[in-house]
Amino acid sequence: MAQKTNDITKIYEKHYNDPKMLAPKRNQAEYFVAKTKLNPPKNIKVFEPGCGIGILGFYLKNKFKVDVYGMELSKTAIKKAKINGIKIKKGNLNNRWPYKSNSFDYVVSSQVIEHILDTDNFIKESKRILKKDVGAKLIL
């Protein structure tokens, strides 16, 4: 698994150093929000696993006034996500996530799960970090 992680990290570093990735692609975020009918209440905590440079998180943060947290493998993506206002940690989505249980109101992920080696772990970790109340949502 460690070798696969290193290979994946190299691929994402190259991807996030591509100049076309510098500017947030707002249309992608708008489309995702419209398609999923996402309309979170203000001031909730949203976690976006595999947030990349924070395109979706930036949009959610500004449109809905929510706190957005993320996790990403790429150091380059992490730097750019921080610029976009994402509270981000470095981590591998195939392992245990570095967040406490019952921490987030929403887990929102777009175009990520198909890149995950251990999708069972992805769902398990999403469930673990979601708050255990009626309003908690997992949106993939």
N, C-alpha and C. Protein backbone atom coordinates (compact mmCIF):
# COMPACT_ATOMS: atom_id res chain seq x y z
N MET A 1 0.82 -1.19 0.00
CA MET A 1 0.00 0.00 0.00
C MET A 1 0.87 1.26 0.00
N ALA A 2 2.02 1.22 0.70
CA ALA A 2 2.88 2.40 0.77
C ALA A 2 3.40 2.79 -0.62
N GLN A 3 3.81 1.81 -1.42
CA GLN A 3 4.30 2.11 -2.77
C GLN A 3 3.19 2.71 -3.62
N LYS A 4 1.98 2.15 -3.54
CA LYS A 4 0.85 2.70 -4.30
C LYS A 4 0.58 4.14 -3.88
N THR A 5 0.67 4.41 -2.57
CA THR A 5 0.45 5.77 -2.07
C THR A 5 1.50 6.72 -2.63
N ASN A 6 2.75 6.30 -2.67
CA ASN A 6 3.82 7.14 -3.23
C ASN A 6 3.58 7.42 -4.72
N ASP A 7 3.17 6.40 -5.45
CA ASP A 7 2.88 6.58 -6.87
C ASP A 7 1.72 7.55 -7.08
N ILE A 8 0.67 7.38 -6.29
CA ILE A 8 -0.50 8.27 -6.39
C ILE A 8 -0.11 9.69 -6.02
N THR A 9 0.69 9.85 -4.99
CA THR A 9 1.14 11.19 -4.57
C THR A 9 1.88 11.89 -5.70
N LYS A 10 2.75 11.18 -6.39
CA LYS A 10 3.49 11.77 -7.52
C LYS A 10 2.55 12.22 -8.63
N ILE A 11 1.55 11.41 -8.91
CA ILE A 11 0.57 11.77 -9.95
C ILE A 11 -0.17 13.05 -9.57
N TYR A 12 -0.62 13.14 -8.31
CA TYR A 12 -1.37 14.31 -7.88
C TYR A 12 -0.49 15.55 -7.78
N GLU A 13 0.76 15.39 -7.39
CA GLU A 13 1.67 16.55 -7.36
C GLU A 13 1.80 17.14 -8.77
N LYS A 14 1.96 16.27 -9.76
CA LYS A 14 2.06 16.74 -11.15
C LYS A 14 0.76 17.43 -11.56
N HIS A 15 -0.37 16.82 -11.22
CA HIS A 15 -1.69 17.36 -11.58
C HIS A 15 -1.88 18.76 -10.98
N TYR A 16 -1.59 18.91 -9.68
CA TYR A 16 -1.85 20.19 -9.01
C TYR A 16 -0.80 21.26 -9.32
N ASN A 17 0.29 20.88 -9.99
CA ASN A 17 1.25 21.87 -10.45
C ASN A 17 0.95 22.34 -11.87
N ASP A 18 -0.08 21.79 -12.47
CA ASP A 18 -0.52 22.21 -13.80
C ASP A 18 -1.13 23.61 -13.70
N PRO A 19 -0.65 24.57 -14.47
CA PRO A 19 -1.16 25.95 -14.38
C PRO A 19 -2.68 26.07 -14.58
N LYS A 20 -3.29 25.14 -15.31
CA LYS A 20 -4.74 25.19 -15.51
C LYS A 20 -5.49 24.96 -14.20
N MET A 21 -4.83 24.40 -13.19
CA MET A 21 -5.47 24.12 -11.91
C MET A 21 -5.37 25.30 -10.95
N LEU A 22 -4.71 26.38 -11.33
CA LEU A 22 -4.50 27.49 -10.40
C LEU A 22 -5.78 28.24 -10.06
N ALA A 23 -6.62 28.50 -11.01
CA ALA A 23 -7.84 29.26 -10.76
C ALA A 23 -8.99 28.32 -10.44
N PRO A 24 -9.74 28.61 -9.38
CA PRO A 24 -10.90 27.75 -9.07
C PRO A 24 -11.88 27.70 -10.23
N LYS A 25 -12.38 26.52 -10.53
CA LYS A 25 -13.35 26.33 -11.61
C LYS A 25 -14.74 26.37 -11.00
N ARG A 26 -15.26 27.57 -10.87
CA ARG A 26 -16.52 27.79 -10.18
C ARG A 26 -17.68 27.02 -10.80
N ASN A 27 -17.68 26.85 -12.11
CA ASN A 27 -18.78 26.14 -12.76
C ASN A 27 -18.93 24.71 -12.25
N GLN A 28 -17.82 24.03 -11.99
CA GLN A 28 -17.87 22.67 -11.46
C GLN A 28 -18.57 22.66 -10.10
N ALA A 29 -18.22 23.59 -9.26
CA ALA A 29 -18.82 23.66 -7.93
C ALA A 29 -20.30 24.02 -8.02
N GLU A 30 -20.64 24.98 -8.84
CA GLU A 30 -22.05 25.36 -9.02
C GLU A 30 -22.87 24.17 -9.52
N TYR A 31 -22.32 23.43 -10.47
CA TYR A 31 -23.01 22.27 -11.02
C TYR A 31 -23.25 21.22 -9.94
N PHE A 32 -22.22 20.92 -9.15
CA PHE A 32 -22.34 19.92 -8.08
C PHE A 32 -23.41 20.33 -7.08
N VAL A 33 -23.40 21.58 -6.67
CA VAL A 33 -24.38 22.08 -5.71
C VAL A 33 -25.80 21.98 -6.28
N ALA A 34 -25.96 22.37 -7.53
CA ALA A 34 -27.28 22.29 -8.16
C ALA A 34 -27.74 20.84 -8.32
N LYS A 35 -26.85 19.98 -8.78
CA LYS A 35 -27.20 18.59 -9.05
C LYS A 35 -27.57 17.85 -7.76
N THR A 36 -26.88 18.13 -6.67
CA THR A 36 -27.13 17.44 -5.40
C THR A 36 -28.17 18.17 -4.54
N LYS A 37 -28.60 19.35 -5.00
CA LYS A 37 -29.56 20.18 -4.25
C LYS A 37 -29.01 20.50 -2.86
N LEU A 38 -27.73 20.73 -2.81
CA LEU A 38 -27.03 21.03 -1.56
C LEU A 38 -27.39 22.44 -1.11
N ASN A 39 -27.86 22.56 0.12
CA ASN A 39 -28.24 23.86 0.67
C ASN A 39 -28.03 23.83 2.19
N PRO A 40 -26.76 23.79 2.60
CA PRO A 40 -26.49 23.66 4.04
C PRO A 40 -26.84 24.94 4.81
N PRO A 41 -27.23 24.76 6.07
CA PRO A 41 -27.45 25.95 6.91
C PRO A 41 -26.12 26.64 7.21
N LYS A 42 -26.18 27.92 7.54
CA LYS A 42 -24.96 28.67 7.87
C LYS A 42 -24.29 28.11 9.12
N ASN A 43 -22.99 28.35 9.17
CA ASN A 43 -22.17 28.07 10.35
C ASN A 43 -22.04 26.60 10.73
N ILE A 44 -22.23 25.70 9.77
CA ILE A 44 -21.99 24.29 10.07
C ILE A 44 -20.57 23.92 9.64
N LYS A 45 -20.12 22.75 10.08
CA LYS A 45 -18.81 22.25 9.70
C LYS A 45 -18.97 21.24 8.58
N VAL A 46 -18.32 21.53 7.45
CA VAL A 46 -18.36 20.66 6.28
C VAL A 46 -16.96 20.08 6.05
N PHE A 47 -16.90 18.77 5.85
CA PHE A 47 -15.63 18.13 5.54
C PHE A 47 -15.66 17.67 4.09
N GLU A 48 -14.60 18.03 3.36
CA GLU A 48 -14.47 17.60 1.97
C GLU A 48 -13.23 16.73 1.82
N PRO A 49 -13.39 15.41 1.87
CA PRO A 49 -12.22 14.54 1.68
C PRO A 49 -11.76 14.59 0.23
N GLY A 50 -10.45 14.66 0.04
CA GLY A 50 -9.91 14.76 -1.32
C GLY A 50 -10.29 16.07 -1.97
N CYS A 51 -10.15 17.15 -1.23
CA CYS A 51 -10.64 18.46 -1.67
C CYS A 51 -9.79 19.10 -2.77
N GLY A 52 -8.65 18.52 -3.09
CA GLY A 52 -7.80 19.13 -4.11
C GLY A 52 -7.38 20.53 -3.68
N ILE A 53 -7.51 21.49 -4.57
CA ILE A 53 -7.10 22.86 -4.27
C ILE A 53 -8.22 23.67 -3.62
N GLY A 54 -9.35 23.02 -3.36
CA GLY A 54 -10.42 23.68 -2.62
C GLY A 54 -11.45 24.38 -3.47
N ILE A 55 -11.66 23.93 -4.70
CA ILE A 55 -12.63 24.57 -5.60
C ILE A 55 -14.04 24.51 -5.01
N LEU A 56 -14.49 23.31 -4.66
CA LEU A 56 -15.84 23.15 -4.11
C LEU A 56 -15.93 23.80 -2.73
N GLY A 57 -14.94 23.57 -1.90
CA GLY A 57 -14.93 24.15 -0.56
C GLY A 57 -14.99 25.66 -0.57
N PHE A 58 -14.24 26.28 -1.47
CA PHE A 58 -14.24 27.74 -1.62
C PHE A 58 -15.64 28.23 -1.96
N TYR A 59 -16.29 27.54 -2.88
CA TYR A 59 -17.65 27.91 -3.30
C TYR A 59 -18.63 27.76 -2.13
N LEU A 60 -18.56 26.62 -1.43
CA LEU A 60 -19.47 26.39 -0.30
C LEU A 60 -19.25 27.42 0.80
N LYS A 61 -18.01 27.70 1.10
CA LYS A 61 -17.64 28.67 2.14
C LYS A 61 -18.22 30.05 1.85
N ASN A 62 -18.12 30.47 0.62
CA ASN A 62 -18.58 31.80 0.25
C ASN A 62 -20.08 31.89 0.01
N LYS A 63 -20.66 30.88 -0.60
CA LYS A 63 -22.09 30.91 -0.90
C LYS A 63 -22.95 30.66 0.33
N PHE A 64 -22.54 29.69 1.16
CA PHE A 64 -23.38 29.27 2.27
C PHE A 64 -22.87 29.69 3.65
N LYS A 65 -21.70 30.30 3.71
CA LYS A 65 -21.11 30.74 4.98
C LYS A 65 -20.93 29.58 5.96
N VAL A 66 -20.30 28.51 5.47
CA VAL A 66 -20.00 27.34 6.29
C VAL A 66 -18.49 27.26 6.51
N ASP A 67 -18.08 26.52 7.53
CA ASP A 67 -16.66 26.25 7.77
C ASP A 67 -16.30 24.99 7.00
N VAL A 68 -15.28 25.07 6.16
CA VAL A 68 -14.91 23.93 5.32
C VAL A 68 -13.53 23.40 5.73
N TYR A 69 -13.50 22.10 5.95
CA TYR A 69 -12.29 21.38 6.29
C TYR A 69 -12.01 20.40 5.17
N GLY A 70 -10.76 20.06 4.99
CA GLY A 70 -10.42 19.13 3.93
C GLY A 70 -9.25 18.26 4.29
N MET A 71 -9.02 17.27 3.43
CA MET A 71 -7.86 16.40 3.58
C MET A 71 -7.37 16.05 2.19
N GLU A 72 -6.07 16.09 2.02
CA GLU A 72 -5.49 15.89 0.70
C GLU A 72 -4.12 15.27 0.86
N LEU A 73 -3.68 14.55 -0.14
CA LEU A 73 -2.37 13.89 -0.17
C LEU A 73 -1.28 14.82 -0.69
N SER A 74 -1.62 15.66 -1.61
CA SER A 74 -0.65 16.50 -2.32
C SER A 74 -0.30 17.77 -1.53
N LYS A 75 1.01 17.98 -1.31
CA LYS A 75 1.47 19.19 -0.62
C LYS A 75 1.12 20.44 -1.44
N THR A 76 1.22 20.34 -2.75
CA THR A 76 0.89 21.47 -3.63
C THR A 76 -0.59 21.83 -3.49
N ALA A 77 -1.45 20.82 -3.52
CA ALA A 77 -2.89 21.06 -3.38
C ALA A 77 -3.20 21.66 -2.01
N ILE A 78 -2.54 21.18 -0.97
CA ILE A 78 -2.76 21.69 0.38
C ILE A 78 -2.46 23.19 0.44
N LYS A 79 -1.34 23.60 -0.13
CA LYS A 79 -0.98 25.02 -0.14
C LYS A 79 -2.05 25.86 -0.82
N LYS A 80 -2.53 25.37 -1.96
CA LYS A 80 -3.54 26.11 -2.72
C LYS A 80 -4.89 26.10 -2.02
N ALA A 81 -5.24 25.00 -1.38
CA ALA A 81 -6.50 24.92 -0.64
C ALA A 81 -6.50 25.91 0.53
N LYS A 82 -5.36 26.04 1.19
CA LYS A 82 -5.25 27.01 2.29
C LYS A 82 -5.50 28.43 1.78
N ILE A 83 -4.97 28.74 0.62
CA ILE A 83 -5.21 30.06 0.01
C ILE A 83 -6.71 30.26 -0.24
N ASN A 84 -7.40 29.18 -0.58
CA ASN A 84 -8.85 29.23 -0.83
C ASN A 84 -9.67 29.16 0.46
N GLY A 85 -9.01 29.21 1.62
CA GLY A 85 -9.71 29.27 2.89
C GLY A 85 -10.14 27.94 3.49
N ILE A 86 -9.58 26.84 2.99
CA ILE A 86 -9.93 25.52 3.50
C ILE A 86 -9.01 25.20 4.68
N LYS A 87 -9.60 24.70 5.76
CA LYS A 87 -8.84 24.24 6.92
C LYS A 87 -8.48 22.78 6.62
N ILE A 88 -7.25 22.57 6.22
CA ILE A 88 -6.88 21.29 5.59
C ILE A 88 -5.77 20.58 6.34
N LYS A 89 -5.83 19.26 6.28
CA LYS A 89 -4.78 18.40 6.82
C LYS A 89 -4.28 17.47 5.72
N LYS A 90 -3.02 17.08 5.85
CA LYS A 90 -2.45 16.10 4.92
C LYS A 90 -2.83 14.71 5.40
N GLY A 91 -3.26 13.88 4.47
CA GLY A 91 -3.61 12.52 4.85
C GLY A 91 -4.01 11.68 3.66
N ASN A 92 -4.06 10.38 3.90
CA ASN A 92 -4.41 9.40 2.89
C ASN A 92 -5.83 8.91 3.16
N LEU A 93 -6.72 9.06 2.21
CA LEU A 93 -8.12 8.69 2.40
C LEU A 93 -8.34 7.19 2.51
N ASN A 94 -7.32 6.40 2.24
CA ASN A 94 -7.41 4.95 2.38
C ASN A 94 -7.12 4.50 3.81
N ASN A 95 -6.69 5.42 4.67
CA ASN A 95 -6.36 5.12 6.07
C ASN A 95 -7.36 5.82 6.99
N ARG A 96 -7.14 5.69 8.30
CA ARG A 96 -7.97 6.41 9.27
C ARG A 96 -7.73 7.91 9.10
N TRP A 97 -8.80 8.68 9.13
CA TRP A 97 -8.71 10.12 8.92
C TRP A 97 -8.37 10.83 10.24
N PRO A 98 -7.56 11.89 10.19
CA PRO A 98 -7.08 12.55 11.41
C PRO A 98 -8.09 13.54 12.01
N TYR A 99 -9.32 13.08 12.17
CA TYR A 99 -10.37 13.91 12.77
C TYR A 99 -11.11 13.09 13.81
N LYS A 100 -11.63 13.77 14.83
CA LYS A 100 -12.37 13.09 15.88
C LYS A 100 -13.72 12.60 15.35
N SER A 101 -14.23 11.56 15.96
CA SER A 101 -15.57 11.06 15.64
C SER A 101 -16.60 12.14 15.95
N ASN A 102 -17.70 12.13 15.21
CA ASN A 102 -18.81 13.06 15.45
C ASN A 102 -18.40 14.54 15.33
N SER A 103 -17.56 14.86 14.36
CA SER A 103 -17.01 16.21 14.24
C SER A 103 -17.71 17.10 13.21
N PHE A 104 -18.34 16.51 12.19
CA PHE A 104 -18.83 17.30 11.06
C PHE A 104 -20.32 17.12 10.82
N ASP A 105 -20.94 18.20 10.36
CA ASP A 105 -22.36 18.17 10.02
C ASP A 105 -22.58 17.55 8.64
N TYR A 106 -21.70 17.84 7.70
CA TYR A 106 -21.78 17.31 6.34
C TYR A 106 -20.41 16.75 5.93
N VAL A 107 -20.42 15.67 5.18
CA VAL A 107 -19.26 15.22 4.44
C VAL A 107 -19.67 15.30 2.97
N VAL A 108 -18.93 16.11 2.22
CA VAL A 108 -19.27 16.38 0.82
C VAL A 108 -18.07 16.02 -0.04
N SER A 109 -18.31 15.18 -1.03
CA SER A 109 -17.20 14.74 -1.87
C SER A 109 -17.66 14.62 -3.32
N SER A 110 -16.91 15.25 -4.20
CA SER A 110 -17.23 15.22 -5.63
C SER A 110 -16.04 14.68 -6.41
N GLN A 111 -16.28 13.66 -7.20
CA GLN A 111 -15.28 13.09 -8.09
C GLN A 111 -14.03 12.59 -7.34
N VAL A 112 -14.28 11.93 -6.20
CA VAL A 112 -13.17 11.43 -5.39
C VAL A 112 -13.25 9.92 -5.19
N ILE A 113 -14.40 9.40 -4.84
CA ILE A 113 -14.50 8.00 -4.42
C ILE A 113 -14.01 7.03 -5.49
N GLU A 114 -14.14 7.41 -6.75
CA GLU A 114 -13.67 6.52 -7.82
C GLU A 114 -12.14 6.41 -7.88
N HIS A 115 -11.45 7.28 -7.14
CA HIS A 115 -9.98 7.24 -7.09
C HIS A 115 -9.46 6.56 -5.83
N ILE A 116 -10.37 6.13 -4.96
CA ILE A 116 -10.00 5.54 -3.67
C ILE A 116 -9.78 4.04 -3.84
N LEU A 117 -8.69 3.53 -3.25
CA LEU A 117 -8.41 2.10 -3.29
C LEU A 117 -9.31 1.33 -2.33
N ASP A 118 -9.55 1.90 -1.16
CA ASP A 118 -10.35 1.22 -0.13
C ASP A 118 -11.65 2.00 0.10
N THR A 119 -12.62 1.76 -0.78
CA THR A 119 -13.89 2.51 -0.70
C THR A 119 -14.68 2.16 0.56
N ASP A 120 -14.53 0.95 1.07
CA ASP A 120 -15.21 0.60 2.33
C ASP A 120 -14.70 1.49 3.46
N ASN A 121 -13.40 1.70 3.50
CA ASN A 121 -12.82 2.58 4.53
C ASN A 121 -13.32 4.02 4.35
N PHE A 122 -13.42 4.46 3.12
CA PHE A 122 -13.90 5.83 2.83
C PHE A 122 -15.30 6.03 3.42
N ILE A 123 -16.19 5.09 3.20
CA ILE A 123 -17.55 5.19 3.73
C ILE A 123 -17.54 5.07 5.25
N LYS A 124 -16.76 4.14 5.78
CA LYS A 124 -16.67 3.94 7.24
C LYS A 124 -16.16 5.21 7.93
N GLU A 125 -15.11 5.81 7.37
CA GLU A 125 -14.56 7.03 7.96
C GLU A 125 -15.52 8.21 7.82
N SER A 126 -16.21 8.30 6.70
CA SER A 126 -17.21 9.35 6.52
C SER A 126 -18.27 9.24 7.61
N LYS A 127 -18.75 8.03 7.83
CA LYS A 127 -19.78 7.79 8.86
C LYS A 127 -19.23 8.11 10.26
N ARG A 128 -17.99 7.74 10.50
CA ARG A 128 -17.39 7.95 11.83
C ARG A 128 -17.29 9.43 12.19
N ILE A 129 -16.87 10.27 11.23
CA ILE A 129 -16.66 11.68 11.55
C ILE A 129 -17.94 12.51 11.48
N LEU A 130 -18.99 11.97 10.88
CA LEU A 130 -20.27 12.69 10.83
C LEU A 130 -20.90 12.71 12.22
N LYS A 131 -21.52 13.84 12.55
CA LYS A 131 -22.27 13.94 13.79
C LYS A 131 -23.44 12.96 13.74
N LYS A 132 -23.84 12.50 14.87
CA LYS A 132 -24.91 11.50 14.96
C LYS A 132 -26.27 12.17 15.18
N ASP A 133 -26.56 13.20 14.42
CA ASP A 133 -27.87 13.84 14.57
C ASP A 133 -28.64 13.79 13.26
N VAL A 134 -29.88 14.20 13.32
CA VAL A 134 -30.79 14.08 12.18
C VAL A 134 -30.31 14.89 10.98
N GLY A 135 -29.66 16.01 11.19
CA GLY A 135 -29.27 16.88 10.09
C GLY A 135 -27.97 16.52 9.39
N ALA A 136 -27.24 15.53 9.91
CA ALA A 136 -25.96 15.15 9.32
C ALA A 136 -26.18 14.53 7.94
N LYS A 137 -25.28 14.88 6.98
CA LYS A 137 -25.44 14.38 5.61
C LYS A 137 -24.11 13.95 5.01
N LEU A 138 -24.15 12.84 4.27
CA LEU A 138 -23.05 12.38 3.45
C LEU A 138 -23.47 12.54 2.01
N ILE A 139 -22.76 13.37 1.26
CA ILE A 139 -23.14 13.67 -0.13
C ILE A 139 -21.95 13.33 -1.02
N LEU A 140 -22.16 12.33 -1.89
CA LEU A 140 -21.10 11.89 -2.81
C LEU A 140 -21.52 12.17 -4.24
